[in-house]
Amino acid sequence: VGTITKGINESSVKKIYFSGSFVGKGFKIGLIAAFVALT
């Protein structure tokens, strides 16, 4: 087993993009996930 680096994989960063109606949905999902993580 090799070492695991923290953060997002560089190859994955290029594939993440939000456009159109996905911007609002992505923000809402991120906000809910952050709220759940804090509780």
Protein backbone atom coordinates (compact mmCIF):
# COMPACT_ATOMS: atom_id res chain seq x y z
CA VAL A 1 0.00 0.00 0.00
CA GLY A 2 1.42 3.36 -1.00
CA THR A 3 1.05 6.71 0.68
CA ILE A 4 -2.24 8.56 0.40
CA THR A 5 -2.10 12.29 -0.21
CA LYS A 6 -4.82 14.59 1.08
CA GLY A 7 -7.09 16.57 -1.18
CA ILE A 8 -8.83 15.98 -4.48
CA ASN A 9 -7.09 13.93 -7.15
CA GLU A 10 -5.66 16.22 -9.80
CA SER A 11 -7.27 14.15 -12.55
CA SER A 12 -10.67 14.55 -10.87
CA VAL A 13 -10.43 18.34 -10.54
CA LYS A 14 -10.59 18.76 -14.32
CA LYS A 15 -13.81 16.71 -14.51
CA ILE A 16 -15.68 18.73 -11.88
CA TYR A 17 -17.74 21.55 -13.36
CA PHE A 18 -21.17 22.99 -12.70
CA SER A 19 -23.27 24.73 -15.29
CA GLY A 20 -26.87 25.79 -15.65
CA SER A 21 -29.24 24.33 -13.09
CA PHE A 22 -26.49 22.21 -11.55
CA VAL A 23 -24.92 25.25 -9.87
CA GLY A 24 -27.82 25.68 -7.47
CA LYS A 25 -28.17 21.95 -6.85
CA GLY A 26 -24.45 21.57 -6.20
CA PHE A 27 -24.45 24.48 -3.77
CA LYS A 28 -27.49 23.12 -1.93
CA ILE A 29 -25.99 19.62 -1.67
CA GLY A 30 -22.68 21.07 -0.44
CA LEU A 31 -24.45 23.19 2.15
CA ILE A 32 -26.47 20.25 3.46
CA ALA A 33 -23.38 18.02 3.56
CA ALA A 34 -21.46 20.67 5.49
CA PHE A 35 -24.33 21.07 7.96
CA VAL A 36 -24.55 17.31 8.52
CA ALA A 37 -20.78 17.09 8.98
CA LEU A 38 -20.87 19.77 11.69
CA THR A 39 -23.62 18.09 13.71
